[in-house]
C-alpha cells in the first residue's frame, strides 16, 4: 500500500489595495452593463408598450459604457504589469504593452496571454457599442446584445486555447457559467436597486403604470435570480471542490478563509432573496390580483428597492473578495490536487444539480395569491 506525500505550498501574497480596487471595479462595471442589458431586454416592460422603467434604465447605457471602458482598460494594464513584472504606471509604456501583446504561448496553450487579452478587448469594444446603441434606441435586441457581449468579455480568459480535454472543457464551461450567473445576479441587483431608489424621488412615481412596471420587474427578476442561484450553486460547488479538500480548510488556510467570507456574504444574500420570494413577491401578486394599486405601489416601489439595495451592497462585497481568491486551499494544506473529471465526478454533479433543482422548486411554492400572509405583506410594506 502506497501513500502520496504532498508538501504544503505557501499562499500567494495578498493583493494590494490598488489591485483589489481595479479587479473588483472591472467586475462591477461588467455587472452593471449586464444589469442594464437584461433590464431593457427582458425584465422591464418595453417602452413601446408604455414601459416607464425601461426608459429610465436605458439612459444608464452611456454611463455604463464609460464605466466598462475605463474599468476594463485598467484591468488590462493591471494584467500587463503583472505579466511583465513592472509597476502599474510602467505598464502604460508602449514597449511594455507590445511585449505583452506579442508574448509567446505558454505551455498547454496555443496562443499567448496578449492574444487572449486582445480578444477580450475586442469583446469589450462590442459591449460598449451595444450599450451606446441601447441608450439611443432602447430596442430589446440591443439589450440582449449587451448581455451576450458582457458574458463573452468576462468569459474569454476562462476559455481553453489549446488541446481540448474533458477536464479542461468542464472547467471552462463551469467557470464561464459561474461568471455569467454572477454578472446577471449582481448586475440586476445593482441596476434595479439604483433605478428603484432614484425612482422613489420622482414626481410621477405614484402612477399606477410605474407601480405595475415595478411589480412585473420584481416578479421576473425573482424567476431569473432563482435560475441563476441554481447555476451558481452547482458550478460554485464544483469549483470550490477543486480548490478545497475539506470543510476544515475553509478555516485553516488563507484561501479557505477568503472563500468562507465570500460564502458568508452569499448566504446573507440568499436570505434576503428568500424574504423577497416568500414575503414580498406574494404581496405583489396579492395586490395585483385584488386591484390594490396603493398596496402594489407600497411593496413594489417603496419597499422592494430598499431590500434589493442591501443585496446589491452585499454583491459588491462579494466582488471585492474575488481578487483574494488566488492559489488553492488544497496546496496550502499539503493536500493533493482534486481528482480528474470522470464518471464518478460527473454523477456527483448530476445528483447535486437534481437536489438543487428540487430545493429551488420547493422554495417557489407559496400560498395562494390572496392568502392572509400575502395580504399582511402588503399592509406591512
Protein backbone atom coordinates (compact mmCIF):
# COMPACT_ATOMS: atom_id res chain seq x y z
CA UNK A 1 0.00 0.00 0.00
CA UNK A 2 1.49 3.32 -1.05
CA UNK A 3 0.75 6.83 0.07
CA UNK A 4 1.44 10.15 -1.54
CA UNK A 5 3.01 12.93 0.48
CA UNK A 6 2.43 16.47 -0.71
CA UNK A 7 4.29 19.42 0.73
CA UNK A 8 2.24 22.43 1.73
CA UNK A 9 2.64 25.43 -0.55
CA UNK A 10 2.81 28.95 0.79
CA UNK A 11 -0.23 31.06 -0.02
CA UNK A 12 0.28 33.79 -2.64
CA UNK A 13 0.80 37.24 -1.14
CA UNK A 14 -2.40 39.20 -0.58
CA UNK A 15 -3.09 41.65 -3.42
CA UNK A 16 -2.52 45.33 -2.81
CA UNK A 17 -5.34 47.82 -2.40
CA UNK A 18 -4.90 49.07 -5.96
CA UNK A 19 -5.15 45.59 -7.41
CA UNK A 20 -8.27 44.82 -5.38
CA UNK A 21 -9.98 48.04 -6.45
CA UNK A 22 -9.09 47.55 -10.13
CA UNK A 23 -10.23 43.92 -10.33
CA UNK A 24 -13.39 44.45 -8.30
CA UNK A 25 -14.16 47.56 -10.34
CA UNK A 26 -13.77 45.52 -13.51
CA UNK A 27 -16.38 43.01 -12.35
CA UNK A 28 -18.69 45.76 -11.08
CA UNK A 29 -18.51 47.50 -14.47
CA UNK A 30 -19.41 44.35 -16.36
CA UNK A 31 -22.16 43.53 -13.87
CA UNK A 32 -23.73 46.97 -14.29
CA UNK A 33 -23.60 46.57 -18.07
CA UNK A 34 -25.29 43.16 -17.94
CA UNK A 35 -27.86 44.58 -15.49
CA UNK A 36 -28.74 47.39 -17.90
CA UNK A 37 -28.95 44.94 -20.80
CA UNK A 38 -31.09 42.36 -19.01
CA UNK A 39 -33.48 45.02 -17.71
CA UNK A 40 -34.04 46.51 -21.16
CA UNK A 41 -34.10 43.12 -22.89
CA UNK A 42 -36.48 41.28 -20.60
CA UNK A 43 -37.09 42.41 -17.04
CA UNK A 44 -38.84 45.74 -17.68
CA UNK A 45 -41.93 46.12 -19.87
CA UNK A 46 -40.83 47.56 -23.23
CA UNK A 47 -41.01 51.30 -23.86
CA UNK A 48 -43.04 50.55 -26.97
CA UNK A 49 -45.81 49.26 -24.70
CA UNK A 50 -45.65 52.27 -22.42
CA UNK A 51 -42.96 50.98 -20.06
CA UNK A 52 -41.54 53.73 -17.87
CA UNK A 53 -38.72 51.93 -16.06
CA UNK A 54 -37.19 50.61 -19.30
CA UNK A 55 -36.69 54.18 -20.49
CA UNK A 56 -35.08 55.17 -17.21
CA UNK A 57 -32.66 52.22 -17.27
CA UNK A 58 -31.94 52.67 -20.98
CA UNK A 59 -30.47 56.10 -20.26
CA UNK A 60 -27.95 54.42 -17.96
CA UNK A 61 -26.36 52.92 -21.08
CA UNK A 62 -23.98 55.84 -21.62
CA UNK A 63 -22.52 55.99 -18.08
CA UNK A 64 -22.39 52.18 -18.06
CA UNK A 65 -20.41 52.23 -21.32
CA UNK A 66 -17.93 54.70 -19.85
CA UNK A 67 -17.61 52.63 -16.67
CA UNK A 68 -16.98 49.42 -18.64
CA UNK A 69 -14.41 51.05 -20.93
CA UNK A 70 -12.44 52.57 -18.04
CA UNK A 71 -12.52 49.56 -15.70
CA UNK A 72 -11.67 47.06 -18.46
CA UNK A 73 -8.70 49.13 -19.63
CA UNK A 74 -7.46 49.44 -16.04
CA UNK A 75 -7.78 45.66 -15.64
CA UNK A 76 -5.87 45.19 -18.92
CA UNK A 77 -2.96 47.35 -17.80
CA UNK A 78 -3.00 45.65 -14.40
CA UNK A 79 -2.59 42.31 -16.18
CA UNK A 80 0.23 43.78 -18.28
CA UNK A 81 2.01 44.93 -15.12
CA UNK A 82 1.62 41.53 -13.50
CA UNK A 83 2.73 39.56 -16.56
CA UNK A 84 5.69 41.80 -17.35
CA UNK A 85 6.60 42.25 -13.67
CA UNK A 86 6.54 46.02 -13.82
CA UNK A 87 4.82 48.72 -11.84
CA UNK A 88 1.32 49.79 -12.80
CA UNK A 89 2.48 53.10 -14.27
CA UNK A 90 5.20 51.40 -16.30
CA UNK A 91 2.56 49.09 -17.80
CA UNK A 92 1.24 52.03 -19.82
CA UNK A 93 4.52 52.21 -21.75
CA UNK A 94 4.30 51.29 -25.40
CA UNK A 95 7.24 48.89 -25.33
CA UNK A 96 5.85 47.04 -22.32
CA UNK A 97 2.40 46.69 -23.89
CA UNK A 98 3.84 45.47 -27.20
CA UNK A 99 5.99 42.91 -25.39
CA UNK A 100 2.91 41.65 -23.58
CA UNK A 101 0.75 41.51 -26.70
CA UNK A 102 3.38 39.53 -28.61
CA UNK A 103 4.32 37.19 -25.77
CA UNK A 104 4.64 33.56 -26.88
CA UNK A 105 2.11 30.95 -25.90
CA UNK A 106 2.63 29.27 -22.57
CA UNK A 107 2.69 25.52 -22.06
CA UNK A 108 -0.68 23.93 -22.73
CA UNK A 109 -1.99 26.89 -24.75
CA UNK A 110 -1.79 27.65 -28.46
CA UNK A 111 -1.93 31.44 -28.03
CA UNK A 112 -0.20 33.92 -25.78
CA UNK A 113 -1.76 35.97 -23.00
CA UNK A 114 -1.60 39.06 -25.19
CA UNK A 115 -3.73 37.43 -27.89
CA UNK A 116 -6.31 36.42 -25.30
CA UNK A 117 -6.32 39.97 -23.91
CA UNK A 118 -6.76 41.40 -27.41
CA UNK A 119 -9.77 39.15 -27.96
CA UNK A 120 -11.21 40.27 -24.65
CA UNK A 121 -10.70 43.95 -25.54
CA UNK A 122 -12.49 43.34 -28.84
CA UNK A 123 -15.45 41.86 -26.99
CA UNK A 124 -15.39 44.81 -24.60
CA UNK A 125 -15.50 47.25 -27.52
CA UNK A 126 -18.55 45.44 -28.89
CA UNK A 127 -20.12 45.66 -25.40
CA UNK A 128 -19.51 49.42 -25.20
CA UNK A 129 -21.05 49.96 -28.64
CA UNK A 130 -24.06 47.81 -27.70
CA UNK A 131 -24.56 49.87 -24.52
CA UNK A 132 -24.47 53.10 -26.53
CA UNK A 133 -26.94 51.65 -29.04
CA UNK A 134 -29.20 50.62 -26.16
CA UNK A 135 -29.09 54.15 -24.76
CA UNK A 136 -30.01 55.65 -28.15
CA UNK A 137 -32.62 53.22 -29.47
CA UNK A 138 -33.66 51.15 -26.46
CA UNK A 139 -34.61 48.10 -28.52
CA UNK A 140 -34.75 44.79 -26.69
CA UNK A 141 -32.36 43.29 -29.26
CA UNK A 142 -29.64 45.71 -28.17
CA UNK A 143 -30.27 44.73 -24.56
CA UNK A 144 -29.70 41.08 -25.41
CA UNK A 145 -26.54 42.08 -27.29
CA UNK A 146 -25.27 43.82 -24.15
CA UNK A 147 -25.86 40.69 -22.07
CA UNK A 148 -24.15 38.50 -24.67
CA UNK A 149 -21.06 40.68 -25.08
CA UNK A 150 -20.80 41.17 -21.32
CA UNK A 151 -20.65 37.41 -20.77
CA UNK A 152 -18.20 36.96 -23.66
CA UNK A 153 -15.93 39.67 -22.25
CA UNK A 154 -15.71 38.09 -18.81
CA UNK A 155 -15.57 34.56 -20.21
CA UNK A 156 -12.75 34.87 -22.75
CA UNK A 157 -9.91 34.38 -20.20
CA UNK A 158 -11.58 31.18 -18.95
CA UNK A 159 -11.67 29.56 -22.38
CA UNK A 160 -9.03 26.92 -23.10
CA UNK A 161 -6.95 27.94 -26.12
CA UNK A 162 -5.11 24.69 -26.60
CA UNK A 163 -5.62 20.93 -26.74
CA UNK A 164 -9.17 20.03 -25.76
CA UNK A 165 -9.53 17.67 -22.80
CA UNK A 166 -12.60 16.68 -20.85
CA UNK A 167 -11.33 18.17 -17.59
CA UNK A 168 -10.30 21.50 -19.14
CA UNK A 169 -13.55 21.75 -21.08
CA UNK A 170 -15.67 21.08 -17.99
CA UNK A 171 -13.66 23.63 -16.00
CA UNK A 172 -14.06 26.24 -18.75
CA UNK A 173 -17.81 25.65 -19.08
CA UNK A 174 -18.45 25.76 -15.33
CA UNK A 175 -16.21 28.81 -14.85
CA UNK A 176 -17.98 30.76 -17.60
CA UNK A 177 -21.36 29.65 -16.23
CA UNK A 178 -20.35 30.81 -12.75
CA UNK A 179 -19.10 34.18 -14.01
CA UNK A 180 -22.19 34.68 -16.19
CA UNK A 181 -24.51 33.84 -13.31
CA UNK A 182 -22.67 36.23 -11.01
CA UNK A 183 -22.90 39.07 -13.54
CA UNK A 184 -26.62 38.54 -14.14
CA UNK A 185 -27.43 38.35 -10.42
CA UNK A 186 -25.16 41.14 -9.20
CA UNK A 187 -25.88 43.32 -12.22
CA UNK A 188 -29.62 43.00 -11.82
CA UNK A 189 -29.37 43.88 -8.14
CA UNK A 190 -27.15 46.92 -8.75
CA UNK A 191 -29.13 48.40 -11.64
CA UNK A 192 -32.59 47.69 -10.25
CA UNK A 193 -31.63 48.98 -6.80
CA UNK A 194 -30.27 52.21 -8.29
CA UNK A 195 -33.22 52.73 -10.62
CA UNK A 196 -35.69 51.82 -7.88
CA UNK A 197 -34.21 54.12 -5.25
CA UNK A 198 -33.89 57.00 -7.70
CA UNK A 199 -37.47 56.43 -8.81
CA UNK A 200 -38.68 56.85 -5.24
CA UNK A 201 -37.88 60.56 -5.54
CA UNK A 202 -39.56 61.05 -8.92
CA UNK A 203 -42.69 63.14 -9.13
CA UNK A 204 -44.53 60.65 -11.29
CA UNK A 205 -43.77 57.53 -9.31
CA UNK A 206 -47.22 57.42 -7.72
CA UNK A 207 -48.80 56.49 -11.02
CA UNK A 208 -50.35 53.08 -11.46
CA UNK A 209 -48.23 52.49 -14.56
CA UNK A 210 -44.94 52.77 -12.64
CA UNK A 211 -46.21 50.53 -9.85
CA UNK A 212 -47.34 47.94 -12.41
CA UNK A 213 -43.94 48.15 -14.16
CA UNK A 214 -42.02 47.52 -10.96
CA UNK A 215 -44.40 44.76 -9.93
CA UNK A 216 -43.67 42.89 -13.15
CA UNK A 217 -39.93 43.59 -12.91
CA UNK A 218 -39.60 42.10 -9.44
CA UNK A 219 -41.57 39.00 -10.38
CA UNK A 220 -39.45 38.46 -13.49
CA UNK A 221 -36.20 39.15 -11.68
CA UNK A 222 -37.23 36.71 -8.96
CA UNK A 223 -37.54 33.98 -11.60
CA UNK A 224 -34.20 34.92 -13.18
CA UNK A 225 -32.46 35.03 -9.79
CA UNK A 226 -33.85 31.61 -8.92
CA UNK A 227 -32.32 30.06 -12.02
CA UNK A 228 -29.06 31.94 -11.56
CA UNK A 229 -28.73 30.74 -7.97
CA UNK A 230 -29.09 27.17 -9.20
CA UNK A 231 -26.31 27.70 -11.73
CA UNK A 232 -24.07 29.35 -9.13
CA UNK A 233 -24.61 26.60 -6.57
CA UNK A 234 -23.81 23.77 -8.99
CA UNK A 235 -20.86 25.47 -10.70
CA UNK A 236 -19.57 27.01 -7.48
CA UNK A 237 -19.68 23.69 -5.63
CA UNK A 238 -17.56 22.00 -8.26
CA UNK A 239 -15.09 24.88 -8.50
CA UNK A 240 -14.81 25.05 -4.70
CA UNK A 241 -14.21 21.28 -4.52
CA UNK A 242 -11.25 21.62 -6.91
CA UNK A 243 -9.63 24.11 -4.50
CA UNK A 244 -10.86 22.99 -1.07
CA UNK A 245 -10.40 19.41 0.14
CA UNK A 246 -12.22 19.51 3.48
CA UNK A 247 -14.52 21.93 5.33
CA UNK A 248 -11.71 22.47 7.84
CA UNK A 249 -9.60 24.05 5.10
CA UNK A 250 -12.11 26.89 4.97
CA UNK A 251 -10.71 27.99 8.33
CA UNK A 252 -7.11 26.74 8.35
CA UNK A 253 -5.84 28.15 5.04
CA UNK A 254 -5.75 31.72 3.68
CA UNK A 255 -7.61 30.70 0.50
CA UNK A 256 -10.25 28.91 2.55
CA UNK A 257 -10.81 31.89 4.84
CA UNK A 258 -11.34 34.25 1.92
CA UNK A 259 -13.72 31.76 0.33
CA UNK A 260 -15.56 31.44 3.66
CA UNK A 261 -16.05 35.22 3.75
CA UNK A 262 -17.43 35.12 0.22
CA UNK A 263 -19.78 32.26 1.10
CA UNK A 264 -20.99 34.08 4.21
CA UNK A 265 -21.91 37.14 2.13
CA UNK A 266 -23.70 34.94 -0.42
CA UNK A 267 -25.66 33.20 2.35
CA UNK A 268 -26.90 36.57 3.62
CA UNK A 269 -27.86 37.48 0.04
CA UNK A 270 -29.78 34.22 -0.25
CA UNK A 271 -31.57 35.04 2.99
CA UNK A 272 -32.66 38.41 1.60
CA UNK A 273 -33.69 36.71 -1.63
CA UNK A 274 -35.72 34.21 0.37
CA UNK A 275 -37.51 37.09 2.11
CA UNK A 276 -38.29 38.54 -1.32
CA UNK A 277 -39.59 35.24 -2.64
CA UNK A 278 -41.61 34.24 0.41
CA UNK A 279 -42.94 37.62 1.55
CA UNK A 280 -42.64 40.47 -0.94
CA UNK A 281 -43.40 38.68 -4.22
CA UNK A 282 -46.58 37.07 -2.82
CA UNK A 283 -47.51 40.56 -1.58
CA UNK A 284 -47.11 41.93 -5.10
CA UNK A 285 -49.18 39.12 -6.58
CA UNK A 286 -51.89 39.62 -3.95
CA UNK A 287 -52.06 43.37 -4.62
CA UNK A 288 -52.24 42.85 -8.37
CA UNK A 289 -54.91 40.16 -8.04
CA UNK A 290 -57.09 42.35 -5.83
CA UNK A 291 -56.53 45.51 -7.86
CA UNK A 292 -54.95 47.25 -4.85
CA UNK A 293 -52.83 49.86 -6.65
CA UNK A 294 -51.86 51.62 -3.42
CA UNK A 295 -50.65 48.34 -1.89
CA UNK A 296 -48.80 47.45 -5.08
CA UNK A 297 -47.09 50.83 -5.02
CA UNK A 298 -46.03 50.42 -1.39
CA UNK A 299 -44.50 47.00 -1.92
CA UNK A 300 -43.04 47.30 -5.44
CA UNK A 301 -41.91 50.94 -5.49
CA UNK A 302 -41.35 51.90 -1.86
CA UNK A 303 -40.23 48.76 -0.03
CA UNK A 304 -38.74 46.29 -2.51
CA UNK A 305 -35.89 48.57 -3.75
CA UNK A 306 -34.62 49.01 -0.18
CA UNK A 307 -34.25 45.26 0.29
CA UNK A 308 -32.60 44.87 -3.11
CA UNK A 309 -30.21 47.74 -2.28
CA UNK A 310 -28.96 45.74 0.72
CA UNK A 311 -28.42 42.73 -1.56
CA UNK A 312 -26.57 44.95 -4.05
CA UNK A 313 -24.16 46.15 -1.35
CA UNK A 314 -23.50 42.53 -0.37
CA UNK A 315 -22.93 41.64 -4.04
CA UNK A 316 -20.30 44.36 -4.32
CA UNK A 317 -18.71 42.93 -1.17
CA UNK A 318 -18.50 39.53 -2.85
CA UNK A 319 -16.80 41.08 -5.89
CA UNK A 320 -14.23 42.73 -3.62
CA UNK A 321 -13.35 39.33 -2.13
CA UNK A 322 -12.69 37.75 -5.56
CA UNK A 323 -9.17 39.26 -6.01
CA UNK A 324 -8.07 37.46 -2.85
CA UNK A 325 -9.05 34.01 -4.22
CA UNK A 326 -5.64 33.05 -5.60
CA UNK A 327 -3.92 29.75 -5.05
CA UNK A 328 -5.68 26.74 -3.56
CA UNK A 329 -6.58 25.59 -0.08
CA UNK A 330 -5.58 22.06 -1.09
CA UNK A 331 -1.99 23.03 -1.90
CA UNK A 332 -1.76 25.34 1.10
CA UNK A 333 -2.82 22.47 3.37
CA UNK A 334 -0.45 19.98 1.72
CA UNK A 335 -3.25 18.07 0.02
CA UNK A 336 -3.05 16.60 -3.49
CA UNK A 337 -4.99 18.18 -6.33
CA UNK A 338 -8.60 17.18 -6.88
CA UNK A 339 -9.18 14.00 -8.85
CA UNK A 340 -9.57 14.23 -12.60
CA UNK A 341 -13.03 14.54 -14.11
CA UNK A 342 -14.55 11.08 -14.50
CA UNK A 343 -17.92 9.36 -14.35
CA UNK A 344 -17.94 9.48 -10.55
CA UNK A 345 -17.41 13.24 -10.54
CA UNK A 346 -19.99 13.64 -13.30
CA UNK A 347 -22.53 11.52 -11.42
CA UNK A 348 -21.98 13.52 -8.26
CA UNK A 349 -22.57 16.71 -10.21
CA UNK A 350 -25.81 15.35 -11.67
CA UNK A 351 -27.07 14.38 -8.21
CA UNK A 352 -26.16 17.84 -6.87
CA UNK A 353 -27.95 19.51 -9.79
CA UNK A 354 -31.10 17.45 -9.17
CA UNK A 355 -31.05 18.24 -5.44
CA UNK A 356 -30.56 21.97 -6.08
CA UNK A 357 -33.36 21.99 -8.66
CA UNK A 358 -35.69 20.28 -6.18
CA UNK A 359 -34.83 22.67 -3.38
CA UNK A 360 -35.29 25.70 -5.62
CA UNK A 361 -38.62 24.37 -6.91
CA UNK A 362 -39.81 23.79 -3.34
CA UNK A 363 -38.75 27.33 -2.47
CA UNK A 364 -41.11 28.73 -5.09
CA UNK A 365 -44.14 27.03 -3.58
CA UNK A 366 -46.00 29.91 -1.96
CA UNK A 367 -49.53 30.25 -0.70
CA UNK A 368 -52.42 31.43 -2.84
CA UNK A 369 -52.29 35.00 -4.08
CA UNK A 370 -54.97 36.08 -1.74
CA UNK A 371 -53.63 34.32 1.34
CA UNK A 372 -53.53 36.02 4.72
CA UNK A 373 -49.72 36.13 4.71
CA UNK A 374 -49.66 37.86 1.34
CA UNK A 375 -52.23 40.43 2.43
CA UNK A 376 -50.25 41.08 5.59
CA UNK A 377 -47.12 41.68 3.48
CA UNK A 378 -48.96 44.34 1.51
CA UNK A 379 -50.17 46.10 4.66
CA UNK A 380 -46.77 45.90 6.38
CA UNK A 381 -44.76 47.26 3.44
